[in-house]
Amino acid sequence: MQNTLMDLLKTDHILVNVNAKDAQEAIQALTAALVETGHVLPGFSEDVWKREQTFPTGLPTQPLAVAIPHADPDHVNKSAVCIGVLNAPVRFAQMGTDGSTLLDARLIFLLAVKEREKQVEMIGQLVKLIQTGSLLEDLAQAKDSAEALALIHKTLA
């Protein structure tokens, strides 16, 4: 059983140079990568977007805002994290608000957790990761998924 964030990160789930016109399109791009590898079913994208409307996941991290969209495990076959490095930020509503506070997120950490009871733990690990030093800036500059994964592994080591 996968227990750590490191276990859930794979190069084919790290997308760099993602072009998206809005948050929904960014979520669709990331979920498509997870559908392609069989980690989630096609309905996962809709689940994530619906949840995002009610419970926003944008975080005002510095120097770059991020979002950590996720949903219940109904459409998850196997746990995974998909990271999107966007070419230009898209607007996500800030977590813990009524949705009126918008953040320009450049990095998205999409969480797909099969075991419902592990979701909070994985979110906690993600939050700890994104608060680490210059990682966000370094990820935004990553040339490819291998470089991005190496940066994360170095941070988690």
C-alpha atoms as a PDB file:
ATOM      1  CA  MET A   1       0.000   0.000   0.000  1.00  0.00           C
ATOM      2  CA  GLN A   2       1.277   3.452  -0.891  1.00  0.00           C
ATOM      3  CA  ASN A   3       1.759   5.604   2.169  1.00  0.00           C
ATOM      4  CA  THR A   4       3.836   8.601   1.178  1.00  0.00           C
ATOM      5  CA  LEU A   5       3.748  11.403  -1.316  1.00  0.00           C
ATOM      6  CA  MET A   6       6.999  10.094  -2.807  1.00  0.00           C
ATOM      7  CA  ASP A   7       5.247   6.799  -3.624  1.00  0.00           C
ATOM      8  CA  LEU A   8       2.558   8.618  -5.604  1.00  0.00           C
ATOM      9  CA  LEU A   9       4.819  10.749  -7.819  1.00  0.00           C
ATOM     10  CA  LYS A  10       5.759   9.503 -11.303  1.00  0.00           C
ATOM     11  CA  THR A  11       7.244  11.378 -14.252  1.00  0.00           C
ATOM     12  CA  ASP A  12       4.249  10.573 -16.477  1.00  0.00           C
ATOM     13  CA  HIS A  13       2.087  12.443 -13.958  1.00  0.00           C
ATOM     14  CA  ILE A  14       4.136  15.640 -14.050  1.00  0.00           C
ATOM     15  CA  LEU A  15       3.108  17.942 -16.863  1.00  0.00           C
ATOM     16  CA  VAL A  16       5.239  20.981 -17.647  1.00  0.00           C
ATOM     17  CA  ASN A  17       4.381  23.809 -20.037  1.00  0.00           C
ATOM     18  CA  VAL A  18       0.640  23.263 -19.621  1.00  0.00           C
ATOM     19  CA  ASN A  19      -1.562  25.720 -21.491  1.00  0.00           C
ATOM     20  CA  ALA A  20      -4.979  26.231 -19.907  1.00  0.00           C
ATOM     21  CA  LYS A  21      -7.414  29.106 -20.244  1.00  0.00           C
ATOM     22  CA  ASP A  22      -8.953  28.547 -16.804  1.00  0.00           C
ATOM     23  CA  ALA A  23      -8.933  26.322 -13.728  1.00  0.00           C
ATOM     24  CA  GLN A  24     -11.407  23.834 -15.186  1.00  0.00           C
ATOM     25  CA  GLU A  25      -9.291  23.327 -18.301  1.00  0.00           C
ATOM     26  CA  ALA A  26      -6.176  22.875 -16.150  1.00  0.00           C
ATOM     27  CA  ILE A  27      -7.945  20.234 -14.041  1.00  0.00           C
ATOM     28  CA  GLN A  28      -9.091  18.466 -17.217  1.00  0.00           C
ATOM     29  CA  ALA A  29      -5.519  18.359 -18.557  1.00  0.00           C
ATOM     30  CA  LEU A  30      -4.204  16.814 -15.351  1.00  0.00           C
ATOM     31  CA  THR A  31      -7.022  14.312 -14.930  1.00  0.00           C
ATOM     32  CA  ALA A  32      -6.559  13.243 -18.564  1.00  0.00           C
ATOM     33  CA  ALA A  33      -3.006  12.151 -17.697  1.00  0.00           C
ATOM     34  CA  LEU A  34      -4.355  10.045 -14.817  1.00  0.00           C
ATOM     35  CA  VAL A  35      -7.100   8.554 -17.009  1.00  0.00           C
ATOM     36  CA  GLU A  36      -4.486   7.637 -19.625  1.00  0.00           C
ATOM     37  CA  THR A  37      -2.476   5.634 -17.080  1.00  0.00           C
ATOM     38  CA  GLY A  38      -5.586   4.002 -15.615  1.00  0.00           C
ATOM     39  CA  HIS A  39      -5.280   5.647 -12.209  1.00  0.00           C
ATOM     40  CA  VAL A  40      -8.704   7.302 -12.443  1.00  0.00           C
ATOM     41  CA  LEU A  41     -11.894   6.888 -14.443  1.00  0.00           C
ATOM     42  CA  PRO A  42     -13.085   9.644 -16.812  1.00  0.00           C
ATOM     43  CA  GLY A  43     -15.691  10.880 -14.287  1.00  0.00           C
ATOM     44  CA  PHE A  44     -12.917  11.990 -11.929  1.00  0.00           C
ATOM     45  CA  SER A  45     -12.451  15.314 -13.724  1.00  0.00           C
ATOM     46  CA  GLU A  46     -16.095  16.248 -13.210  1.00  0.00           C
ATOM     47  CA  ASP A  47     -15.944  15.155  -9.550  1.00  0.00           C
ATOM     48  CA  VAL A  48     -12.883  17.330  -8.946  1.00  0.00           C
ATOM     49  CA  TRP A  49     -14.439  20.351 -10.644  1.00  0.00           C
ATOM     50  CA  LYS A  50     -17.719  20.008  -8.715  1.00  0.00           C
ATOM     51  CA  ARG A  51     -15.825  19.789  -5.434  1.00  0.00           C
ATOM     52  CA  GLU A  52     -13.682  22.785  -6.393  1.00  0.00           C
ATOM     53  CA  GLN A  53     -16.839  24.888  -6.795  1.00  0.00           C
ATOM     54  CA  THR A  54     -17.958  24.121  -3.233  1.00  0.00           C
ATOM     55  CA  PHE A  55     -14.625  23.680  -1.454  1.00  0.00           C
ATOM     56  CA  PRO A  56     -11.937  25.770  -3.205  1.00  0.00           C
ATOM     57  CA  THR A  57      -8.329  24.568  -3.052  1.00  0.00           C
ATOM     58  CA  GLY A  58      -6.249  27.611  -3.984  1.00  0.00           C
ATOM     59  CA  LEU A  59      -3.458  28.389  -1.526  1.00  0.00           C
ATOM     60  CA  PRO A  60      -1.751  31.796  -1.270  1.00  0.00           C
ATOM     61  CA  THR A  61       1.730  30.290  -1.030  1.00  0.00           C
ATOM     62  CA  GLN A  62       4.737  32.475  -1.733  1.00  0.00           C
ATOM     63  CA  PRO A  63       6.211  33.259  -4.151  1.00  0.00           C
ATOM     64  CA  LEU A  64       3.654  31.421  -6.325  1.00  0.00           C
ATOM     65  CA  ALA A  65       0.063  30.523  -5.527  1.00  0.00           C
ATOM     66  CA  VAL A  66      -0.862  26.864  -5.971  1.00  0.00           C
ATOM     67  CA  ALA A  67      -4.000  24.758  -6.022  1.00  0.00           C
ATOM     68  CA  ILE A  68      -4.463  21.246  -4.670  1.00  0.00           C
ATOM     69  CA  PRO A  69      -7.710  20.041  -6.261  1.00  0.00           C
ATOM     70  CA  HIS A  70      -9.020  16.633  -5.262  1.00  0.00           C
ATOM     71  CA  ALA A  71     -12.247  14.645  -4.938  1.00  0.00           C
ATOM     72  CA  ASP A  72     -13.707  11.621  -3.222  1.00  0.00           C
ATOM     73  CA  PRO A  73     -12.282   8.271  -4.367  1.00  0.00           C
ATOM     74  CA  ASP A  74     -15.378   7.124  -6.290  1.00  0.00           C
ATOM     75  CA  HIS A  75     -13.556   7.335  -9.647  1.00  0.00           C
ATOM     76  CA  VAL A  76     -10.048   6.470  -8.396  1.00  0.00           C
ATOM     77  CA  ASN A  77      -8.564   3.090  -9.363  1.00  0.00           C
ATOM     78  CA  LYS A  78      -5.092   3.683  -7.932  1.00  0.00           C
ATOM     79  CA  SER A  79      -3.737   6.579  -5.871  1.00  0.00           C
ATOM     80  CA  ALA A  80      -1.606   9.184  -7.648  1.00  0.00           C
ATOM     81  CA  VAL A  81      -0.558  12.810  -7.626  1.00  0.00           C
ATOM     82  CA  CYS A  82      -0.463  14.733 -10.897  1.00  0.00           C
ATOM     83  CA  ILE A  83       1.445  18.001 -11.005  1.00  0.00           C
ATOM     84  CA  GLY A  84       0.812  20.687 -13.582  1.00  0.00           C
ATOM     85  CA  VAL A  85       3.276  23.483 -14.239  1.00  0.00           C
ATOM     86  CA  LEU A  86       1.287  26.078 -16.149  1.00  0.00           C
ATOM     87  CA  ASN A  87       2.769  28.448 -18.708  1.00  0.00           C
ATOM     88  CA  ALA A  88       0.474  31.161 -17.366  1.00  0.00           C
ATOM     89  CA  PRO A  89      -1.471  31.255 -14.097  1.00  0.00           C
ATOM     90  CA  VAL A  90      -5.169  30.426 -13.919  1.00  0.00           C
ATOM     91  CA  ARG A  91      -7.594  31.606 -11.253  1.00  0.00           C
ATOM     92  CA  PHE A  92      -8.527  29.328  -8.383  1.00  0.00           C
ATOM     93  CA  ALA A  93     -10.665  30.410  -5.464  1.00  0.00           C
ATOM     94  CA  GLN A  94      -8.779  30.478  -2.171  1.00  0.00           C
ATOM     95  CA  MET A  95      -9.277  27.591   0.234  1.00  0.00           C
ATOM     96  CA  GLY A  96     -11.382  28.466   3.266  1.00  0.00           C
ATOM     97  CA  THR A  97     -13.246  31.298   1.545  1.00  0.00           C
ATOM     98  CA  ASP A  98     -16.668  31.644  -0.017  1.00  0.00           C
ATOM     99  CA  GLY A  99     -14.995  31.555  -3.429  1.00  0.00           C
ATOM    100  CA  SER A 100     -14.788  35.315  -3.887  1.00  0.00           C
ATOM    101  CA  THR A 101     -11.057  35.524  -3.114  1.00  0.00           C
ATOM    102  CA  LEU A 102      -9.242  34.479  -6.279  1.00  0.00           C
ATOM    103  CA  LEU A 103      -5.606  33.473  -6.638  1.00  0.00           C
ATOM    104  CA  ASP A 104      -3.504  33.209  -9.791  1.00  0.00           C
ATOM    105  CA  ALA A 105      -2.159  29.660  -9.473  1.00  0.00           C
ATOM    106  CA  ARG A 106       0.796  28.626 -11.613  1.00  0.00           C
ATOM    107  CA  LEU A 107       1.272  25.167 -10.065  1.00  0.00           C
ATOM    108  CA  ILE A 108      -1.434  22.571  -9.566  1.00  0.00           C
ATOM    109  CA  PHE A 109      -1.073  19.457  -7.444  1.00  0.00           C
ATOM    110  CA  LEU A 110      -4.011  17.188  -8.333  1.00  0.00           C
ATOM    111  CA  LEU A 111      -4.578  14.505  -5.720  1.00  0.00           C
ATOM    112  CA  ALA A 112      -6.289  11.187  -6.468  1.00  0.00           C
ATOM    113  CA  VAL A 113      -6.387   8.995  -3.360  1.00  0.00           C
ATOM    114  CA  LYS A 114      -8.064   5.588  -3.423  1.00  0.00           C
ATOM    115  CA  GLU A 115      -8.265   5.221   0.364  1.00  0.00           C
ATOM    116  CA  ARG A 116     -10.556   7.955   1.681  1.00  0.00           C
ATOM    117  CA  GLU A 117      -8.924   7.838   5.132  1.00  0.00           C
ATOM    118  CA  LYS A 118      -5.500   8.698   3.620  1.00  0.00           C
ATOM    119  CA  GLN A 119      -6.671  11.827   1.816  1.00  0.00           C
ATOM    120  CA  VAL A 120      -6.118  14.243   4.725  1.00  0.00           C
ATOM    121  CA  GLU A 121      -2.655  12.764   5.351  1.00  0.00           C
ATOM    122  CA  MET A 122      -1.678  13.206   1.683  1.00  0.00           C
ATOM    123  CA  ILE A 123      -2.977  16.787   1.631  1.00  0.00           C
ATOM    124  CA  GLY A 124      -0.865  17.464   4.729  1.00  0.00           C
ATOM    125  CA  GLN A 125       2.226  16.049   3.024  1.00  0.00           C
ATOM    126  CA  LEU A 126       1.535  18.182  -0.060  1.00  0.00           C
ATOM    127  CA  VAL A 127       1.102  21.342   2.014  1.00  0.00           C
ATOM    128  CA  LYS A 128       4.383  20.647   3.813  1.00  0.00           C
ATOM    129  CA  LEU A 129       6.118  20.102   0.461  1.00  0.00           C
ATOM    130  CA  ILE A 130       4.872  23.320  -1.119  1.00  0.00           C
ATOM    131  CA  GLN A 131       6.007  25.355   1.886  1.00  0.00           C
ATOM    132  CA  THR A 132       9.595  24.197   1.427  1.00  0.00           C
ATOM    133  CA  GLY A 133      12.133  26.837   0.440  1.00  0.00           C
ATOM    134  CA  SER A 134      12.466  27.681  -3.220  1.00  0.00           C
ATOM    135  CA  LEU A 135      10.710  24.543  -4.503  1.00  0.00           C
ATOM    136  CA  LEU A 136       7.784  26.385  -6.097  1.00  0.00           C
ATOM    137  CA  GLU A 137      10.033  28.726  -8.070  1.00  0.00           C
ATOM    138  CA  ASP A 138      12.273  25.828  -9.071  1.00  0.00           C
ATOM    139  CA  LEU A 139       9.290  23.756 -10.253  1.00  0.00           C
ATOM    140  CA  ALA A 140       7.960  26.677 -12.288  1.00  0.00           C
ATOM    141  CA  GLN A 141      11.347  26.794 -14.071  1.00  0.00           C
ATOM    142  CA  ALA A 142      11.608  23.017 -14.655  1.00  0.00           C
ATOM    143  CA  LYS A 143      12.317  22.118 -18.279  1.00  0.00           C
ATOM    144  CA  ASP A 144      10.700  18.690 -18.139  1.00  0.00           C
ATOM    145  CA  SER A 145       8.987  16.185 -15.859  1.00  0.00           C
ATOM    146  CA  ALA A 146      12.232  14.405 -14.940  1.00  0.00           C
ATOM    147  CA  GLU A 147      13.750  17.657 -13.681  1.00  0.00           C
ATOM    148  CA  ALA A 148      10.586  18.482 -11.735  1.00  0.00           C
ATOM    149  CA  LEU A 149      10.514  15.032 -10.133  1.00  0.00           C
ATOM    150  CA  ALA A 150      14.202  15.298  -9.193  1.00  0.00           C
ATOM    151  CA  LEU A 151      13.518  18.650  -7.487  1.00  0.00           C
ATOM    152  CA  ILE A 152      10.684  17.118  -5.469  1.00  0.00           C
ATOM    153  CA  HIS A 153      12.698  14.028  -4.534  1.00  0.00           C
ATOM    154  CA  LYS A 154      15.557  16.262  -3.373  1.00  0.00           C
ATOM    155  CA  THR A 155      13.130  18.270  -1.244  1.00  0.00           C
ATOM    156  CA  LEU A 156      11.488  15.178   0.256  1.00  0.00           C
ATOM    157  CA  ALA A 157      14.780  13.375   0.925  1.00  0.00           C
END
